[in-house]
Amino acid sequence: MDTKLTLKLNKGIVEKAKEYASENNRSLSRIIESYLSLLVINATESEYENDVQISPFVKSMSSGINIPADLDYKTEYSDYLLEKYK
């Protein structure tokens, strides 16, 4: 359910925001709603992540593979190269 909200903003910012919205074929209301939604989601996630913010790009790179803390990456890489160039 949508509800009406009245905001008092800088006129120049509103004009630039309207141009941006028009160029991206979106309404200014939907852009603001998306931004507020991200703020609420990030605030909720940060409660569970000890206020560590991870960008969506970094989250998208996650592979789900757990790497052991005692991994000797130099030995692993060396073994990989030896096997590759046999």
N, C-alpha and C. Protein backbone atom coordinates (compact mmCIF):
# COMPACT_ATOMS: atom_id res chain seq x y z
N MET A 1 0.84 -1.18 0.00
CA MET A 1 0.00 0.00 0.00
C MET A 1 0.89 1.24 0.00
N ASP A 2 0.69 2.11 -0.93
CA ASP A 2 1.46 3.34 -1.01
C ASP A 2 0.84 4.39 -0.09
N THR A 3 1.71 5.25 0.42
CA THR A 3 1.26 6.34 1.27
C THR A 3 1.95 7.62 0.83
N LYS A 4 1.35 8.73 1.10
CA LYS A 4 1.88 10.02 0.68
C LYS A 4 2.84 10.55 1.73
N LEU A 5 3.96 11.17 1.27
CA LEU A 5 4.97 11.72 2.14
C LEU A 5 5.35 13.10 1.62
N THR A 6 5.39 14.08 2.50
CA THR A 6 5.79 15.43 2.12
C THR A 6 7.20 15.67 2.62
N LEU A 7 8.07 16.11 1.70
CA LEU A 7 9.46 16.38 2.05
C LEU A 7 9.81 17.82 1.71
N LYS A 8 10.71 18.40 2.48
CA LYS A 8 11.22 19.73 2.20
C LYS A 8 12.68 19.56 1.82
N LEU A 9 13.00 19.82 0.52
CA LEU A 9 14.34 19.58 0.00
C LEU A 9 14.85 20.81 -0.75
N ASN A 10 16.16 20.85 -0.94
CA ASN A 10 16.80 21.91 -1.70
C ASN A 10 16.27 21.89 -3.14
N LYS A 11 15.88 23.06 -3.65
CA LYS A 11 15.28 23.16 -4.98
C LYS A 11 16.22 22.64 -6.08
N GLY A 12 17.50 22.99 -6.00
CA GLY A 12 18.46 22.55 -7.01
C GLY A 12 18.60 21.03 -7.03
N ILE A 13 18.61 20.42 -5.87
CA ILE A 13 18.72 18.97 -5.78
C ILE A 13 17.49 18.31 -6.39
N VAL A 14 16.32 18.88 -6.11
CA VAL A 14 15.07 18.31 -6.64
C VAL A 14 15.07 18.39 -8.17
N GLU A 15 15.51 19.51 -8.71
CA GLU A 15 15.55 19.67 -10.16
C GLU A 15 16.50 18.66 -10.81
N LYS A 16 17.70 18.50 -10.22
CA LYS A 16 18.66 17.53 -10.75
C LYS A 16 18.13 16.10 -10.61
N ALA A 17 17.46 15.84 -9.51
CA ALA A 17 16.89 14.50 -9.29
C ALA A 17 15.79 14.21 -10.30
N LYS A 18 14.98 15.21 -10.62
CA LYS A 18 13.93 15.02 -11.62
C LYS A 18 14.54 14.74 -13.00
N GLU A 19 15.62 15.45 -13.33
CA GLU A 19 16.30 15.20 -14.60
C GLU A 19 16.83 13.77 -14.64
N TYR A 20 17.47 13.36 -13.55
CA TYR A 20 18.00 12.00 -13.46
C TYR A 20 16.89 10.97 -13.64
N ALA A 21 15.79 11.19 -12.95
CA ALA A 21 14.66 10.26 -13.03
C ALA A 21 14.13 10.19 -14.46
N SER A 22 14.01 11.34 -15.09
CA SER A 22 13.51 11.38 -16.47
C SER A 22 14.45 10.64 -17.42
N GLU A 23 15.75 10.86 -17.27
CA GLU A 23 16.74 10.21 -18.13
C GLU A 23 16.74 8.69 -17.95
N ASN A 24 16.36 8.22 -16.76
CA ASN A 24 16.37 6.80 -16.47
C ASN A 24 14.98 6.17 -16.50
N ASN A 25 14.01 6.92 -17.04
CA ASN A 25 12.63 6.44 -17.19
C ASN A 25 12.05 5.88 -15.89
N ARG A 26 12.30 6.61 -14.82
CA ARG A 26 11.76 6.23 -13.51
C ARG A 26 11.13 7.44 -12.87
N SER A 27 10.24 7.20 -11.95
CA SER A 27 9.67 8.33 -11.23
C SER A 27 10.57 8.67 -10.05
N LEU A 28 10.56 9.93 -9.69
CA LEU A 28 11.35 10.37 -8.55
C LEU A 28 10.89 9.67 -7.27
N SER A 29 9.61 9.43 -7.17
CA SER A 29 9.07 8.72 -6.00
C SER A 29 9.66 7.32 -5.88
N ARG A 30 9.75 6.60 -7.00
CA ARG A 30 10.30 5.24 -6.97
C ARG A 30 11.79 5.23 -6.66
N ILE A 31 12.51 6.24 -7.15
CA ILE A 31 13.93 6.33 -6.84
C ILE A 31 14.13 6.55 -5.34
N ILE A 32 13.37 7.46 -4.78
CA ILE A 32 13.47 7.74 -3.34
C ILE A 32 13.04 6.52 -2.54
N GLU A 33 11.98 5.85 -2.99
CA GLU A 33 11.53 4.64 -2.30
C GLU A 33 12.62 3.56 -2.34
N SER A 34 13.28 3.39 -3.46
CA SER A 34 14.36 2.40 -3.57
C SER A 34 15.51 2.75 -2.63
N TYR A 35 15.86 4.01 -2.58
CA TYR A 35 16.94 4.43 -1.70
C TYR A 35 16.59 4.19 -0.23
N LEU A 36 15.38 4.56 0.16
CA LEU A 36 14.97 4.35 1.54
C LEU A 36 14.91 2.86 1.87
N SER A 37 14.49 2.07 0.91
CA SER A 37 14.45 0.62 1.11
C SER A 37 15.85 0.08 1.37
N LEU A 38 16.84 0.54 0.60
CA LEU A 38 18.23 0.12 0.81
C LEU A 38 18.72 0.53 2.19
N LEU A 39 18.35 1.72 2.62
CA LEU A 39 18.76 2.17 3.95
C LEU A 39 18.20 1.26 5.04
N VAL A 40 16.93 0.90 4.90
CA VAL A 40 16.29 0.05 5.90
C VAL A 40 16.89 -1.35 5.89
N ILE A 41 17.12 -1.90 4.70
CA ILE A 41 17.71 -3.24 4.58
C ILE A 41 19.12 -3.24 5.16
N ASN A 42 19.93 -2.24 4.81
CA ASN A 42 21.29 -2.17 5.32
C ASN A 42 21.30 -2.00 6.84
N ALA A 43 20.37 -1.23 7.36
CA ALA A 43 20.30 -1.05 8.82
C ALA A 43 19.96 -2.37 9.49
N THR A 44 19.05 -3.13 8.92
CA THR A 44 18.67 -4.41 9.48
C THR A 44 19.82 -5.40 9.40
N GLU A 45 20.50 -5.45 8.26
CA GLU A 45 21.64 -6.36 8.09
C GLU A 45 22.78 -6.00 9.01
N SER A 46 23.01 -4.70 9.21
CA SER A 46 24.14 -4.29 10.04
C SER A 46 23.94 -4.70 11.50
N GLU A 47 22.71 -4.83 11.94
CA GLU A 47 22.46 -5.30 13.29
C GLU A 47 23.02 -6.71 13.46
N TYR A 48 22.92 -7.50 12.40
CA TYR A 48 23.37 -8.88 12.44
C TYR A 48 24.81 -9.05 12.03
N GLU A 49 25.38 -8.05 11.40
CA GLU A 49 26.76 -8.15 10.92
C GLU A 49 27.70 -7.23 11.69
N ASN A 50 27.33 -6.87 12.90
CA ASN A 50 28.16 -6.02 13.76
C ASN A 50 28.57 -4.73 13.06
N ASP A 51 27.63 -4.12 12.36
CA ASP A 51 27.83 -2.84 11.69
C ASP A 51 28.91 -2.88 10.61
N VAL A 52 29.25 -4.04 10.11
CA VAL A 52 30.17 -4.15 8.98
C VAL A 52 29.34 -4.10 7.72
N GLN A 53 29.63 -3.11 6.88
CA GLN A 53 28.87 -2.98 5.66
C GLN A 53 29.66 -3.56 4.49
N ILE A 54 29.03 -4.46 3.78
CA ILE A 54 29.64 -5.09 2.61
C ILE A 54 28.85 -4.63 1.40
N SER A 55 29.55 -4.10 0.42
CA SER A 55 28.85 -3.57 -0.75
C SER A 55 28.17 -4.70 -1.52
N PRO A 56 27.09 -4.39 -2.22
CA PRO A 56 26.41 -5.41 -3.02
C PRO A 56 27.33 -6.07 -4.04
N PHE A 57 28.29 -5.32 -4.59
CA PHE A 57 29.23 -5.88 -5.55
C PHE A 57 30.08 -6.97 -4.90
N VAL A 58 30.59 -6.68 -3.71
CA VAL A 58 31.42 -7.67 -3.02
C VAL A 58 30.58 -8.88 -2.65
N LYS A 59 29.35 -8.66 -2.20
CA LYS A 59 28.47 -9.77 -1.87
C LYS A 59 28.22 -10.65 -3.09
N SER A 60 28.12 -10.03 -4.26
CA SER A 60 27.86 -10.80 -5.48
C SER A 60 29.05 -11.67 -5.87
N MET A 61 30.23 -11.34 -5.38
CA MET A 61 31.43 -12.10 -5.71
C MET A 61 31.61 -13.31 -4.80
N SER A 62 30.82 -13.41 -3.77
CA SER A 62 30.96 -14.50 -2.82
C SER A 62 30.72 -15.84 -3.50
N SER A 63 31.61 -16.81 -3.24
CA SER A 63 31.48 -18.12 -3.87
C SER A 63 30.85 -19.14 -2.93
N GLY A 64 30.81 -18.84 -1.65
CA GLY A 64 30.25 -19.78 -0.69
C GLY A 64 31.25 -20.82 -0.23
N ILE A 65 32.50 -20.72 -0.70
CA ILE A 65 33.54 -21.68 -0.32
C ILE A 65 34.24 -21.16 0.94
N ASN A 66 34.34 -22.01 1.94
CA ASN A 66 35.06 -21.62 3.16
C ASN A 66 36.52 -22.00 3.02
N ILE A 67 37.39 -21.03 3.26
CA ILE A 67 38.83 -21.25 3.17
C ILE A 67 39.37 -21.41 4.59
N PRO A 68 40.10 -22.50 4.84
CA PRO A 68 40.65 -22.72 6.19
C PRO A 68 41.60 -21.60 6.58
N ALA A 69 41.60 -21.24 7.85
CA ALA A 69 42.45 -20.16 8.34
C ALA A 69 43.93 -20.52 8.23
N ASP A 70 44.25 -21.80 8.31
CA ASP A 70 45.66 -22.22 8.28
C ASP A 70 46.13 -22.63 6.89
N LEU A 71 45.43 -22.23 5.86
CA LEU A 71 45.78 -22.58 4.49
C LEU A 71 47.12 -21.95 4.10
N ASP A 72 48.02 -22.75 3.59
CA ASP A 72 49.31 -22.26 3.10
C ASP A 72 49.16 -22.03 1.59
N TYR A 73 48.76 -20.82 1.24
CA TYR A 73 48.45 -20.53 -0.16
C TYR A 73 49.67 -20.64 -1.07
N LYS A 74 50.86 -20.37 -0.55
CA LYS A 74 52.07 -20.48 -1.38
C LYS A 74 52.31 -21.92 -1.80
N THR A 75 52.15 -22.85 -0.86
CA THR A 75 52.33 -24.26 -1.17
C THR A 75 51.24 -24.73 -2.13
N GLU A 76 50.02 -24.31 -1.89
CA GLU A 76 48.91 -24.69 -2.78
C GLU A 76 49.14 -24.19 -4.19
N TYR A 77 49.57 -22.94 -4.31
CA TYR A 77 49.82 -22.37 -5.63
C TYR A 77 50.99 -23.07 -6.32
N SER A 78 52.03 -23.35 -5.57
CA SER A 78 53.19 -24.06 -6.10
C SER A 78 52.78 -25.44 -6.61
N ASP A 79 52.00 -26.16 -5.81
CA ASP A 79 51.51 -27.48 -6.23
C ASP A 79 50.67 -27.37 -7.49
N TYR A 80 49.84 -26.36 -7.57
CA TYR A 80 49.00 -26.15 -8.75
C TYR A 80 49.86 -25.94 -9.99
N LEU A 81 50.89 -25.09 -9.87
CA LEU A 81 51.75 -24.81 -11.02
C LEU A 81 52.55 -26.04 -11.44
N LEU A 82 53.04 -26.81 -10.46
CA LEU A 82 53.77 -28.03 -10.80
C LEU A 82 52.89 -29.01 -11.56
N GLU A 83 51.64 -29.13 -11.13
CA GLU A 83 50.70 -30.03 -11.81
C GLU A 83 50.34 -29.50 -13.19
N LYS A 84 50.18 -28.21 -13.30
CA LYS A 84 49.79 -27.60 -14.57
C LYS A 84 50.88 -27.76 -15.63
N TYR A 85 52.12 -27.60 -15.24
CA TYR A 85 53.22 -27.63 -16.21
C TYR A 85 54.01 -28.93 -16.21
N LYS A 86 53.38 -30.05 -15.92
CA LYS A 86 54.04 -31.36 -16.00
C LYS A 86 54.38 -31.71 -17.41
